[in-house]
C-alpha atoms as a PDB file:
ATOM      1  CA  MET A   1      10.879  40.245  28.110  1.00  0.00           C
ATOM      2  CA  ALA A   2      11.551  36.653  27.348  1.00  0.00           C
ATOM      3  CA  GLU A   3      14.999  35.434  26.654  1.00  0.00           C
ATOM      4  CA  SER A   4      16.110  35.672  23.099  1.00  0.00           C
ATOM      5  CA  ILE A   5      16.307  32.540  20.904  1.00  0.00           C
ATOM      6  CA  LEU A   6      17.649  34.173  17.648  1.00  0.00           C
ATOM      7  CA  TRP A   7      20.455  36.626  17.207  1.00  0.00           C
ATOM      8  CA  VAL A   8      21.344  37.868  13.700  1.00  0.00           C
ATOM      9  CA  ASN A   9      24.498  39.779  13.947  1.00  0.00           C
ATOM     10  CA  ASP A  10      25.829  41.960  10.800  1.00  0.00           C
ATOM     11  CA  LEU A  11      24.320  39.462   8.354  1.00  0.00           C
ATOM     12  CA  LYS A  12      25.544  39.939   4.614  1.00  0.00           C
ATOM     13  CA  VAL A  13      24.153  37.998   1.772  1.00  0.00           C
ATOM     14  CA  ASP A  14      25.773  38.658  -1.671  1.00  0.00           C
ATOM     15  CA  PHE A  15      25.085  36.888  -5.177  1.00  0.00           C
ATOM     16  CA  ASP A  16      27.381  36.581  -8.151  1.00  0.00           C
ATOM     17  CA  VAL A  17      25.561  37.993 -11.183  1.00  0.00           C
ATOM     18  CA  ARG A  18      26.890  37.751 -14.800  1.00  0.00           C
ATOM     19  CA  PRO A  19      25.722  40.408 -17.115  1.00  0.00           C
ATOM     20  CA  THR A  20      23.673  39.252 -19.992  1.00  0.00           C
ATOM     21  CA  GLY A  21      25.840  38.789 -23.066  1.00  0.00           C
ATOM     22  CA  ALA A  22      29.070  38.998 -21.229  1.00  0.00           C
ATOM     23  CA  TRP A  23      32.064  36.983 -22.176  1.00  0.00           C
ATOM     24  CA  PRO A  24      32.656  33.706 -20.205  1.00  0.00           C
ATOM     25  CA  TRP A  25      35.795  35.202 -18.644  1.00  0.00           C
ATOM     26  CA  THR A  26      34.198  38.573 -17.402  1.00  0.00           C
ATOM     27  CA  PRO A  27      34.410  38.597 -13.631  1.00  0.00           C
ATOM     28  CA  PRO A  28      30.660  38.518 -12.090  1.00  0.00           C
ATOM     29  CA  LEU A  29      29.040  41.533 -10.458  1.00  0.00           C
ATOM     30  CA  LYS A  30      28.197  41.432  -6.680  1.00  0.00           C
ATOM     31  CA  LEU A  31      24.545  41.897  -5.944  1.00  0.00           C
ATOM     32  CA  HIS A  32      24.359  43.018  -2.317  1.00  0.00           C
ATOM     33  CA  ALA A  33      20.923  41.572  -1.287  1.00  0.00           C
ATOM     34  CA  VAL A  34      21.420  42.087   2.547  1.00  0.00           C
ATOM     35  CA  GLY A  35      24.074  44.457   3.793  1.00  0.00           C
ATOM     36  CA  GLY A  36      24.800  44.118   7.404  1.00  0.00           C
ATOM     37  CA  VAL A  37      21.639  43.254   9.221  1.00  0.00           C
ATOM     38  CA  SER A  38      21.413  42.889  13.010  1.00  0.00           C
ATOM     39  CA  PHE A  39      18.421  42.075  15.379  1.00  0.00           C
ATOM     40  CA  GLU A  40      17.345  39.645  18.150  1.00  0.00           C
ATOM     41  CA  LEU A  41      14.053  37.762  18.488  1.00  0.00           C
ATOM     42  CA  ALA A  42      12.626  36.670  21.881  1.00  0.00           C
ATOM     43  CA  ALA A  43      10.777  33.566  22.579  1.00  0.00           C
ATOM     44  CA  GLY A  44       7.001  34.232  21.881  1.00  0.00           C
ATOM     45  CA  GLU A  45       7.765  37.265  20.016  1.00  0.00           C
ATOM     46  CA  CYS A  46       6.645  38.409  16.593  1.00  0.00           C
ATOM     47  CA  LEU A  47       9.003  40.596  14.615  1.00  0.00           C
ATOM     48  CA  GLY A  48       7.620  42.581  11.490  1.00  0.00           C
ATOM     49  CA  VAL A  49       9.960  43.137   8.670  1.00  0.00           C
ATOM     50  CA  VAL A  50       8.765  45.652   5.950  1.00  0.00           C
ATOM     51  CA  GLY A  51      10.099  47.409   3.038  1.00  0.00           C
ATOM     52  CA  GLU A  52       9.704  47.762  -0.823  1.00  0.00           C
ATOM     53  CA  SER A  53      10.148  44.931  -3.157  1.00  0.00           C
ATOM     54  CA  GLY A  54      13.985  44.306  -3.532  1.00  0.00           C
ATOM     55  CA  SER A  55      14.658  45.443   0.078  1.00  0.00           C
ATOM     56  CA  GLY A  56      16.149  41.979   0.917  1.00  0.00           C
ATOM     57  CA  LYS A  57      13.312  40.786   3.136  1.00  0.00           C
ATOM     58  CA  SER A  58      12.947  37.386   1.505  1.00  0.00           C
ATOM     59  CA  THR A  59      16.557  36.842   1.311  1.00  0.00           C
ATOM     60  CA  LEU A  60      16.989  37.535   4.840  1.00  0.00           C
ATOM     61  CA  ALA A  61      14.431  34.963   5.621  1.00  0.00           C
ATOM     62  CA  ARG A  62      15.953  32.296   3.484  1.00  0.00           C
ATOM     63  CA  ALA A  63      19.310  32.829   5.228  1.00  0.00           C
ATOM     64  CA  ILE A  64      17.848  32.399   8.474  1.00  0.00           C
ATOM     65  CA  VAL A  65      16.109  29.165   7.401  1.00  0.00           C
ATOM     66  CA  GLY A  66      19.314  27.903   5.836  1.00  0.00           C
ATOM     67  CA  THR A  67      18.413  27.598   2.270  1.00  0.00           C
ATOM     68  CA  ILE A  68      20.830  30.107   0.955  1.00  0.00           C
ATOM     69  CA  PRO A  69      24.412  30.568   2.509  1.00  0.00           C
ATOM     70  CA  SER A  70      25.343  34.016   4.047  1.00  0.00           C
ATOM     71  CA  SER A  71      28.312  35.842   2.841  1.00  0.00           C
ATOM     72  CA  GLY A  72      29.309  37.440   6.324  1.00  0.00           C
ATOM     73  CA  GLY A  73      28.159  38.096   9.720  1.00  0.00           C
ATOM     74  CA  GLN A  74      26.496  35.426  12.029  1.00  0.00           C
ATOM     75  CA  ILE A  75      23.206  33.786  12.829  1.00  0.00           C
ATOM     76  CA  LEU A  76      22.857  32.310  16.365  1.00  0.00           C
ATOM     77  CA  TRP A  77      19.976  30.086  17.069  1.00  0.00           C
ATOM     78  CA  GLU A  78      19.602  29.236  20.740  1.00  0.00           C
ATOM     79  CA  GLY A  79      23.237  30.418  21.266  1.00  0.00           C
ATOM     80  CA  ASN A  80      24.670  27.958  18.471  1.00  0.00           C
ATOM     81  CA  ASP A  81      26.235  29.381  15.242  1.00  0.00           C
ATOM     82  CA  LEU A  82      24.154  28.007  12.179  1.00  0.00           C
ATOM     83  CA  ALA A  83      27.308  28.031  10.179  1.00  0.00           C
ATOM     84  CA  ALA A  84      29.016  25.603  12.575  1.00  0.00           C
ATOM     85  CA  LEU A  85      26.113  23.029  12.961  1.00  0.00           C
ATOM     86  CA  ASP A  86      26.811  19.483  11.839  1.00  0.00           C
ATOM     87  CA  THR A  87      24.188  17.445   9.824  1.00  0.00           C
ATOM     88  CA  HIS A  88      22.440  16.233  12.802  1.00  0.00           C
ATOM     89  CA  GLU A  89      22.175  19.536  14.511  1.00  0.00           C
ATOM     90  CA  ARG A  90      21.154  21.265  11.169  1.00  0.00           C
ATOM     91  CA  ARG A  91      18.377  18.656  10.697  1.00  0.00           C
ATOM     92  CA  LYS A  92      17.110  19.695  14.266  1.00  0.00           C
ATOM     93  CA  HIS A  93      17.253  23.359  13.359  1.00  0.00           C
ATOM     94  CA  ARG A  94      14.980  22.554  10.209  1.00  0.00           C
ATOM     95  CA  ARG A  95      12.329  21.107  12.633  1.00  0.00           C
ATOM     96  CA  ASP A  96      12.455  24.201  14.881  1.00  0.00           C
ATOM     97  CA  VAL A  97      12.422  26.658  12.165  1.00  0.00           C
ATOM     98  CA  GLN A  98       9.579  26.467   9.458  1.00  0.00           C
ATOM     99  CA  MET A  99       8.428  28.796   6.634  1.00  0.00           C
ATOM    100  CA  ILE A 100       5.065  30.045   5.206  1.00  0.00           C
ATOM    101  CA  PHE A 101       5.439  31.146   1.642  1.00  0.00           C
ATOM    102  CA  GLN A 102       3.976  33.912  -0.382  1.00  0.00           C
ATOM    103  CA  ASP A 103       2.053  32.214  -3.091  1.00  0.00           C
ATOM    104  CA  PRO A 104      -0.185  29.505  -1.310  1.00  0.00           C
ATOM    105  CA  LEU A 105      -1.001  27.520  -4.410  1.00  0.00           C
ATOM    106  CA  ALA A 106       2.496  27.502  -5.906  1.00  0.00           C
ATOM    107  CA  ALA A 107       3.968  26.292  -2.477  1.00  0.00           C
ATOM    108  CA  LEU A 108       1.774  23.064  -2.493  1.00  0.00           C
ATOM    109  CA  ASN A 109       2.531  19.999  -4.705  1.00  0.00           C
ATOM    110  CA  PRO A 110      -0.465  19.628  -6.926  1.00  0.00           C
ATOM    111  CA  ARG A 111       0.147  15.792  -7.358  1.00  0.00           C
ATOM    112  CA  MET A 112      -0.196  15.180  -3.637  1.00  0.00           C
ATOM    113  CA  THR A 113      -3.362  15.199  -1.433  1.00  0.00           C
ATOM    114  CA  VAL A 114      -3.728  17.689   1.282  1.00  0.00           C
ATOM    115  CA  GLY A 115      -3.371  15.144   3.891  1.00  0.00           C
ATOM    116  CA  GLU A 116      -0.002  14.068   2.175  1.00  0.00           C
ATOM    117  CA  ILE A 117       1.290  17.565   1.994  1.00  0.00           C
ATOM    118  CA  ILE A 118       0.675  18.327   5.693  1.00  0.00           C
ATOM    119  CA  ALA A 119       2.054  15.065   6.741  1.00  0.00           C
ATOM    120  CA  GLU A 120       5.168  15.092   4.651  1.00  0.00           C
ATOM    121  CA  PRO A 121       7.436  17.192   7.252  1.00  0.00           C
ATOM    122  CA  LEU A 122       6.240  14.835  10.054  1.00  0.00           C
ATOM    123  CA  ILE A 123       7.037  11.592   8.015  1.00  0.00           C
ATOM    124  CA  THR A 124      10.415  13.173   6.748  1.00  0.00           C
ATOM    125  CA  HIS A 125      11.517  14.173  10.475  1.00  0.00           C
ATOM    126  CA  HIS A 126       9.954  11.293  12.433  1.00  0.00           C
ATOM    127  CA  PRO A 127       9.680   8.303   9.881  1.00  0.00           C
ATOM    128  CA  LYS A 128       9.012   5.926  12.688  1.00  0.00           C
ATOM    129  CA  THR A 129       5.617   7.649  13.658  1.00  0.00           C
ATOM    130  CA  PRO A 130       2.712   5.003  13.122  1.00  0.00           C
ATOM    131  CA  LYS A 131       0.265   5.900  10.307  1.00  0.00           C
ATOM    132  CA  PRO A 132      -2.736   6.034  12.457  1.00  0.00           C
ATOM    133  CA  GLU A 133      -0.849   8.673  14.682  1.00  0.00           C
ATOM    134  CA  VAL A 134       0.128  10.614  11.419  1.00  0.00           C
ATOM    135  CA  ARG A 135      -3.374  10.747  10.150  1.00  0.00           C
ATOM    136  CA  LYS A 136      -4.646  11.794  13.624  1.00  0.00           C
ATOM    137  CA  ARG A 137      -2.150  14.626  13.903  1.00  0.00           C
ATOM    138  CA  VAL A 138      -3.028  15.800  10.277  1.00  0.00           C
ATOM    139  CA  ALA A 139      -6.648  15.864  11.279  1.00  0.00           C
ATOM    140  CA  GLU A 140      -5.947  17.776  14.444  1.00  0.00           C
ATOM    141  CA  MET A 141      -3.978  20.373  12.543  1.00  0.00           C
ATOM    142  CA  MET A 142      -6.494  20.752   9.750  1.00  0.00           C
ATOM    143  CA  GLU A 143      -9.245  21.543  12.364  1.00  0.00           C
ATOM    144  CA  ARG A 144      -6.870  23.800  14.115  1.00  0.00           C
ATOM    145  CA  VAL A 145      -6.320  26.126  11.114  1.00  0.00           C
ATOM    146  CA  GLY A 146     -10.053  26.032  10.144  1.00  0.00           C
ATOM    147  CA  LEU A 147     -10.201  23.340   7.687  1.00  0.00           C
ATOM    148  CA  LEU A 148     -12.670  20.184   7.879  1.00  0.00           C
ATOM    149  CA  SER A 149     -10.405  17.054   8.412  1.00  0.00           C
ATOM    150  CA  ASN A 150     -12.576  14.976   5.865  1.00  0.00           C
ATOM    151  CA  LEU A 151     -11.107  17.152   3.095  1.00  0.00           C
ATOM    152  CA  MET A 152      -7.637  15.676   3.499  1.00  0.00           C
ATOM    153  CA  ASN A 153      -8.012  13.306   0.454  1.00  0.00           C
ATOM    154  CA  ARG A 154      -8.598  16.247  -1.818  1.00  0.00           C
ATOM    155  CA  TYR A 155      -6.074  17.997  -3.872  1.00  0.00           C
ATOM    156  CA  PRO A 156      -4.777  21.680  -3.602  1.00  0.00           C
ATOM    157  CA  HIS A 157      -6.585  22.934  -6.849  1.00  0.00           C
ATOM    158  CA  GLU A 158      -9.744  22.121  -5.325  1.00  0.00           C
ATOM    159  CA  PHE A 159      -9.454  24.805  -2.514  1.00  0.00           C
ATOM    160  CA  SER A 160      -9.542  28.692  -2.554  1.00  0.00           C
ATOM    161  CA  GLY A 161      -6.511  30.852  -2.136  1.00  0.00           C
ATOM    162  CA  GLY A 162      -7.441  31.419   1.610  1.00  0.00           C
ATOM    163  CA  GLN A 163      -7.831  27.609   2.163  1.00  0.00           C
ATOM    164  CA  CYS A 164      -4.528  26.751   0.423  1.00  0.00           C
ATOM    165  CA  GLN A 165      -2.662  29.306   2.723  1.00  0.00           C
ATOM    166  CA  ARG A 166      -4.239  27.556   5.731  1.00  0.00           C
ATOM    167  CA  ILE A 167      -3.003  24.211   4.291  1.00  0.00           C
ATOM    168  CA  GLY A 168       0.502  25.840   4.262  1.00  0.00           C
ATOM    169  CA  ILE A 169       0.249  27.024   7.797  1.00  0.00           C
ATOM    170  CA  ALA A 170      -0.866  23.578   8.963  1.00  0.00           C
ATOM    171  CA  ARG A 171       2.147  21.986   7.057  1.00  0.00           C
ATOM    172  CA  ALA A 172       4.428  24.550   8.586  1.00  0.00           C
ATOM    173  CA  LEU A 173       3.115  23.881  12.146  1.00  0.00           C
ATOM    174  CA  ILE A 174       2.574  19.986  12.155  1.00  0.00           C
ATOM    175  CA  LEU A 175       6.167  19.675  13.662  1.00  0.00           C
ATOM    176  CA  ARG A 176       5.453  22.113  16.431  1.00  0.00           C
ATOM    177  CA  PRO A 177       8.354  24.536  15.584  1.00  0.00           C
ATOM    178  CA  LYS A 178       9.762  27.171  17.749  1.00  0.00           C
ATOM    179  CA  LEU A 179       9.989  29.830  15.105  1.00  0.00           C
ATOM    180  CA  VAL A 180       7.892  30.411  11.852  1.00  0.00           C
ATOM    181  CA  ILE A 181       9.016  32.679   9.171  1.00  0.00           C
ATOM    182  CA  CYS A 182       5.819  34.097   7.303  1.00  0.00           C
ATOM    183  CA  ASP A 183       7.171  35.399   3.825  1.00  0.00           C
ATOM    184  CA  GLU A 184       4.424  37.892   2.706  1.00  0.00           C
ATOM    185  CA  PRO A 185       1.705  35.289   3.561  1.00  0.00           C
ATOM    186  CA  VAL A 186      -1.349  37.442   2.860  1.00  0.00           C
ATOM    187  CA  SER A 187      -0.008  39.526  -0.108  1.00  0.00           C
ATOM    188  CA  ALA A 188      -1.890  37.041  -2.725  1.00  0.00           C
ATOM    189  CA  LEU A 189      -5.156  37.056  -0.846  1.00  0.00           C
ATOM    190  CA  ASP A 190      -8.242  39.157  -0.835  1.00  0.00           C
ATOM    191  CA  VAL A 191      -8.423  41.906   1.861  1.00  0.00           C
ATOM    192  CA  SER A 192     -11.187  40.182   3.679  1.00  0.00           C
ATOM    193  CA  VAL A 193      -9.257  36.824   3.688  1.00  0.00           C
ATOM    194  CA  GLN A 194      -5.990  38.692   4.699  1.00  0.00           C
ATOM    195  CA  ALA A 195      -7.678  39.635   7.925  1.00  0.00           C
ATOM    196  CA  GLN A 196      -8.823  36.057   8.663  1.00  0.00           C
ATOM    197  CA  VAL A 197      -5.382  34.659   7.893  1.00  0.00           C
ATOM    198  CA  VAL A 198      -3.635  37.335  10.057  1.00  0.00           C
ATOM    199  CA  ASN A 199      -5.937  36.779  13.077  1.00  0.00           C
ATOM    200  CA  LEU A 200      -5.467  33.003  12.601  1.00  0.00           C
ATOM    201  CA  LEU A 201      -1.684  33.356  12.877  1.00  0.00           C
ATOM    202  CA  LYS A 202      -1.998  35.753  16.046  1.00  0.00           C
ATOM    203  CA  GLU A 203      -4.078  33.003  17.614  1.00  0.00           C
ATOM    204  CA  LEU A 204      -1.828  30.262  16.773  1.00  0.00           C
ATOM    205  CA  GLN A 205       1.209  32.241  17.825  1.00  0.00           C
ATOM    206  CA  ARG A 206      -0.439  32.917  21.384  1.00  0.00           C
ATOM    207  CA  ASP A 207      -1.856  29.312  21.810  1.00  0.00           C
ATOM    208  CA  MET A 208       1.303  27.417  20.632  1.00  0.00           C
ATOM    209  CA  GLY A 209       3.928  30.019  22.251  1.00  0.00           C
ATOM    210  CA  LEU A 210       5.552  30.588  18.778  1.00  0.00           C
ATOM    211  CA  SER A 211       8.164  33.020  17.839  1.00  0.00           C
ATOM    212  CA  MET A 212       7.449  34.674  14.344  1.00  0.00           C
ATOM    213  CA  ILE A 213       9.175  36.728  11.785  1.00  0.00           C
ATOM    214  CA  PHE A 214       6.263  38.266   9.558  1.00  0.00           C
ATOM    215  CA  ILE A 215       7.408  39.841   6.242  1.00  0.00           C
ATOM    216  CA  ALA A 216       5.279  42.090   4.346  1.00  0.00           C
ATOM    217  CA  HIS A 217       4.918  45.336   2.326  1.00  0.00           C
ATOM    218  CA  ASP A 218       1.895  46.722   4.128  1.00  0.00           C
ATOM    219  CA  LEU A 219       2.514  48.488   7.326  1.00  0.00           C
ATOM    220  CA  SER A 220      -1.098  48.412   8.481  1.00  0.00           C
ATOM    221  CA  VAL A 221      -0.957  44.427   8.277  1.00  0.00           C
ATOM    222  CA  VAL A 222       2.328  44.341  10.157  1.00  0.00           C
ATOM    223  CA  LYS A 223       1.466  46.562  12.945  1.00  0.00           C
ATOM    224  CA  HIS A 224      -1.649  44.585  13.746  1.00  0.00           C
ATOM    225  CA  ILE A 225       0.411  41.270  14.338  1.00  0.00           C
ATOM    226  CA  SER A 226       3.940  42.482  15.327  1.00  0.00           C
ATOM    227  CA  ASP A 227       5.436  43.287  18.588  1.00  0.00           C
ATOM    228  CA  ARG A 228       8.482  45.042  17.162  1.00  0.00           C
ATOM    229  CA  ILE A 229       8.985  46.148  13.542  1.00  0.00           C
ATOM    230  CA  VAL A 230      12.207  46.365  11.495  1.00  0.00           C
ATOM    231  CA  VAL A 231      12.173  48.640   8.318  1.00  0.00           C
ATOM    232  CA  MET A 232      14.494  47.551   5.438  1.00  0.00           C
ATOM    233  CA  TYR A 233      15.643  49.427   2.387  1.00  0.00           C
ATOM    234  CA  LEU A 234      18.079  48.038  -0.184  1.00  0.00           C
ATOM    235  CA  GLY A 235      19.241  45.230   2.148  1.00  0.00           C
ATOM    236  CA  ARG A 236      19.663  47.532   5.239  1.00  0.00           C
ATOM    237  CA  VAL A 237      17.821  48.365   8.322  1.00  0.00           C
ATOM    238  CA  MET A 238      16.740  52.063   8.336  1.00  0.00           C
ATOM    239  CA  GLU A 239      14.642  51.918  11.604  1.00  0.00           C
ATOM    240  CA  ALA A 240      13.583  49.444  14.342  1.00  0.00           C
ATOM    241  CA  ALA A 241      11.129  50.083  17.109  1.00  0.00           C
ATOM    242  CA  ASP A 242       8.221  48.546  18.943  1.00  0.00           C
ATOM    243  CA  SER A 243       5.019  48.452  16.725  1.00  0.00           C
ATOM    244  CA  ARG A 244       3.369  51.312  18.476  1.00  0.00           C
ATOM    245  CA  THR A 245       6.317  53.683  18.484  1.00  0.00           C
ATOM    246  CA  LEU A 246       7.225  53.149  15.001  1.00  0.00           C
ATOM    247  CA  THR A 247       3.722  53.471  13.549  1.00  0.00           C
ATOM    248  CA  THR A 248       3.076  56.708  15.673  1.00  0.00           C
ATOM    249  CA  ARG A 249       6.378  58.434  15.873  1.00  0.00           C
ATOM    250  CA  PRO A 250       8.573  57.356  12.933  1.00  0.00           C
ATOM    251  CA  GLU A 251      11.855  59.030  12.699  1.00  0.00           C
ATOM    252  CA  HIS A 252      13.470  57.762   9.448  1.00  0.00           C
ATOM    253  CA  PRO A 253      12.167  59.571   6.343  1.00  0.00           C
ATOM    254  CA  TYR A 254      11.747  56.237   4.543  1.00  0.00           C
ATOM    255  CA  THR A 255       9.598  54.827   7.419  1.00  0.00           C
ATOM    256  CA  GLN A 256       7.511  58.197   7.395  1.00  0.00           C
ATOM    257  CA  ALA A 257       6.800  57.552   3.719  1.00  0.00           C
ATOM    258  CA  LEU A 258       5.889  53.976   4.208  1.00  0.00           C
ATOM    259  CA  ILE A 259       3.372  54.877   6.910  1.00  0.00           C
ATOM    260  CA  SER A 260       1.879  57.869   4.741  1.00  0.00           C
ATOM    261  CA  SER A 261       1.068  55.303   2.098  1.00  0.00           C
ATOM    262  CA  VAL A 262      -1.281  53.602   4.448  1.00  0.00           C
ATOM    263  CA  PRO A 263      -4.896  55.081   3.686  1.00  0.00           C
ATOM    264  CA  ILE A 264      -6.973  56.522   6.687  1.00  0.00           C
ATOM    265  CA  PRO A 265     -10.550  55.351   6.763  1.00  0.00           C
ATOM    266  CA  ASP A 266     -11.873  58.805   6.965  1.00  0.00           C
ATOM    267  CA  PRO A 267     -12.237  60.567   3.501  1.00  0.00           C
ATOM    268  CA  VAL A 268     -11.940  64.259   5.105  1.00  0.00           C
ATOM    269  CA  LEU A 269      -8.661  63.399   7.074  1.00  0.00           C
ATOM    270  CA  GLU A 270      -7.281  61.459   4.073  1.00  0.00           C
ATOM    271  CA  LYS A 271      -7.838  64.272   1.729  1.00  0.00           C
ATOM    272  CA  ALA A 272      -6.605  66.961   4.183  1.00  0.00           C
ATOM    273  CA  ARG A 273      -3.266  65.234   5.313  1.00  0.00           C
ATOM    274  CA  LYS A 274       0.213  65.950   3.705  1.00  0.00           C
ATOM    275  CA  ARG A 275       1.924  62.964   2.207  1.00  0.00           C
ATOM    276  CA  PRO A 276       5.850  62.716   1.770  1.00  0.00           C
ATOM    277  CA  ILE A 277       6.082  61.346  -1.739  1.00  0.00           C
ATOM    278  CA  LEU A 278       9.258  59.355  -2.678  1.00  0.00           C
ATOM    279  CA  GLU A 279      10.494  60.175  -6.047  1.00  0.00           C
ATOM    280  CA  GLY A 280      12.710  58.039  -8.352  1.00  0.00           C
ATOM    281  CA  GLU A 281      13.200  54.245  -8.250  1.00  0.00           C
ATOM    282  CA  LEU A 282      14.827  51.820  -5.861  1.00  0.00           C
ATOM    283  CA  PRO A 283      18.648  51.841  -6.911  1.00  0.00           C
ATOM    284  CA  SER A 284      20.285  48.630  -8.176  1.00  0.00           C
ATOM    285  CA  PRO A 285      21.788  46.474  -5.518  1.00  0.00           C
ATOM    286  CA  LEU A 286      24.515  45.831  -7.871  1.00  0.00           C
ATOM    287  CA  ARG A 287      25.748  49.459  -7.388  1.00  0.00           C
ATOM    288  CA  PRO A 288      24.147  50.756  -4.288  1.00  0.00           C
ATOM    289  CA  PRO A 289      24.595  54.533  -3.294  1.00  0.00           C
ATOM    290  CA  SER A 290      27.406  55.388  -1.194  1.00  0.00           C
ATOM    291  CA  GLY A 291      26.880  56.418   2.456  1.00  0.00           C
ATOM    292  CA  CYS A 292      23.058  56.275   3.294  1.00  0.00           C
ATOM    293  CA  VAL A 293      21.508  53.923   0.643  1.00  0.00           C
ATOM    294  CA  PHE A 294      18.252  56.029   0.885  1.00  0.00           C
ATOM    295  CA  ARG A 295      19.896  59.427   0.109  1.00  0.00           C
ATOM    296  CA  THR A 296      19.053  59.316  -3.622  1.00  0.00           C
ATOM    297  CA  ARG A 297      15.336  59.402  -2.717  1.00  0.00           C
ATOM    298  CA  CYS A 298      15.420  61.204   0.622  1.00  0.00           C
ATOM    299  CA  PRO A 299      13.917  64.734   0.957  1.00  0.00           C
ATOM    300  CA  LYS A 300      16.061  65.528   3.686  1.00  0.00           C
ATOM    301  CA  ALA A 301      19.308  64.330   1.922  1.00  0.00           C
ATOM    302  CA  VAL A 302      22.268  66.600   2.157  1.00  0.00           C
ATOM    303  CA  ALA A 303      25.790  66.361   0.694  1.00  0.00           C
ATOM    304  CA  SER A 304      27.187  64.617   3.927  1.00  0.00           C
ATOM    305  CA  CYS A 305      24.769  61.856   3.437  1.00  0.00           C
ATOM    306  CA  ALA A 306      27.069  60.450   0.732  1.00  0.00           C
ATOM    307  CA  GLY A 307      29.821  59.950   3.093  1.00  0.00           C
ATOM    308  CA  ASP A 308      30.125  57.053   5.571  1.00  0.00           C
ATOM    309  CA  ARG A 309      27.247  54.554   6.121  1.00  0.00           C
ATOM    310  CA  PRO A 310      25.127  55.714   8.986  1.00  0.00           C
ATOM    311  CA  GLU A 311      25.341  53.374  12.122  1.00  0.00           C
ATOM    312  CA  MET A 312      22.075  52.381  13.844  1.00  0.00           C
ATOM    313  CA  LYS A 313      21.487  55.076  16.590  1.00  0.00           C
ATOM    314  CA  SER A 314      19.520  54.577  19.940  1.00  0.00           C
ATOM    315  CA  LEU A 315      16.707  57.145  20.498  1.00  0.00           C
ATOM    316  CA  GLY A 316      15.771  55.507  23.758  1.00  0.00           C
ATOM    317  CA  ASN A 317      13.009  52.992  24.660  1.00  0.00           C
ATOM    318  CA  ASN A 318      14.667  50.370  22.191  1.00  0.00           C
ATOM    319  CA  HIS A 319      14.125  52.751  19.367  1.00  0.00           C
ATOM    320  CA  TRP A 320      16.973  52.719  16.745  1.00  0.00           C
ATOM    321  CA  VAL A 321      17.456  54.794  13.538  1.00  0.00           C
ATOM    322  CA  ALA A 322      19.989  54.737  11.001  1.00  0.00           C
ATOM    323  CA  CYS A 323      20.026  58.319   9.532  1.00  0.00           C
ATOM    324  CA  PRO A 324      22.810  60.874   8.993  1.00  0.00           C
ATOM    325  CA  TYR A 325      20.212  63.711   9.588  1.00  0.00           C
ATOM    326  CA  HIS A 326      19.810  62.531  13.265  1.00  0.00           C
ATOM    327  CA  ALA A 327      23.659  62.574  13.726  1.00  0.00           C
ATOM    328  CA  ALA A 328      23.755  66.206  12.367  1.00  0.00           C
ATOM    329  CA  VAL A 329      21.167  67.182  14.698  1.00  0.00           C
ATOM    330  CA  ASP A 330      23.229  65.736  17.691  1.00  0.00           C
ATOM    331  CA  VAL A 331      26.344  67.697  16.335  1.00  0.00           C
ATOM    332  CA  LEU A 332      24.363  70.979  16.249  1.00  0.00           C
ATOM    333  CA  ALA A 333      22.779  70.375  19.691  1.00  0.00           C
ATOM    334  CA  ALA A 334      26.313  69.734  21.144  1.00  0.00           C
ATOM    335  CA  ALA A 335      27.715  72.783  19.562  1.00  0.00           C
ATOM    336  CA  GLY A 336      24.839  74.933  21.012  1.00  0.00           C
END
């Protein structure tokens, strides 16, 4: 396996939230968006991050990019602590790490032409680049993502959603970054267009040697593009494994529920299979449950799940799970 370029160690991100109608002197509440997430990312690897809305996926991405501060833990980029970088080093980090956003049209400036949108990062970070060279690189990147270069003088509203996402991809890759974070890049697109964009990202990753973090709700999309998958729930990692292992042998009840929600393209098998159904709503990150945060919706939960927070436990073959149920099984096995 290639050498790691990104290390996230026990990352925490909290926000101060003041209740509606509260007095000015009322102390704010703490919203725990990310609660101690750890993982590594190797050069050229694609890491999938899945979970429901409110699980902290986008907050995690923005903390890695540096658009929001972390409340605890550490993010190491090529061995350097992001919190300790000076202005020059942070600017270099921003060139190396780019982001593709969820809503393709909202992410593009409607007053700028497509050529200006794609060229903006290049001009910002390399202001001495000659204009003919800028135009040449923009044209090459447009062709690379499947857009005609003679359309660079048009505006975003003249393109479809899938084309706008390709523009966003071209903008993110114009600086030739080392890491691209895709924050649900296909959730706003039609199913047929989703497949095209995912295949394009896979091709670009292979040809350009990119590392990638791919965030999505849909496990069927994530397993198609990812080498490894991390499952998040309420700001914490529930399970992590390589893509094949996690989708064929999930161990955490939450992962099993996510996989069961993916339909099988065989009506007979789809009708016959049993699905674990999650009951209740996602708890508030302002007041997360004690112990295992998933216990209020878990079909296997017992009284001991409300105790200490479960640690990530290795099941072998780089498969990790945070579940008190596995700890209980180990205790019973040792006693027997």
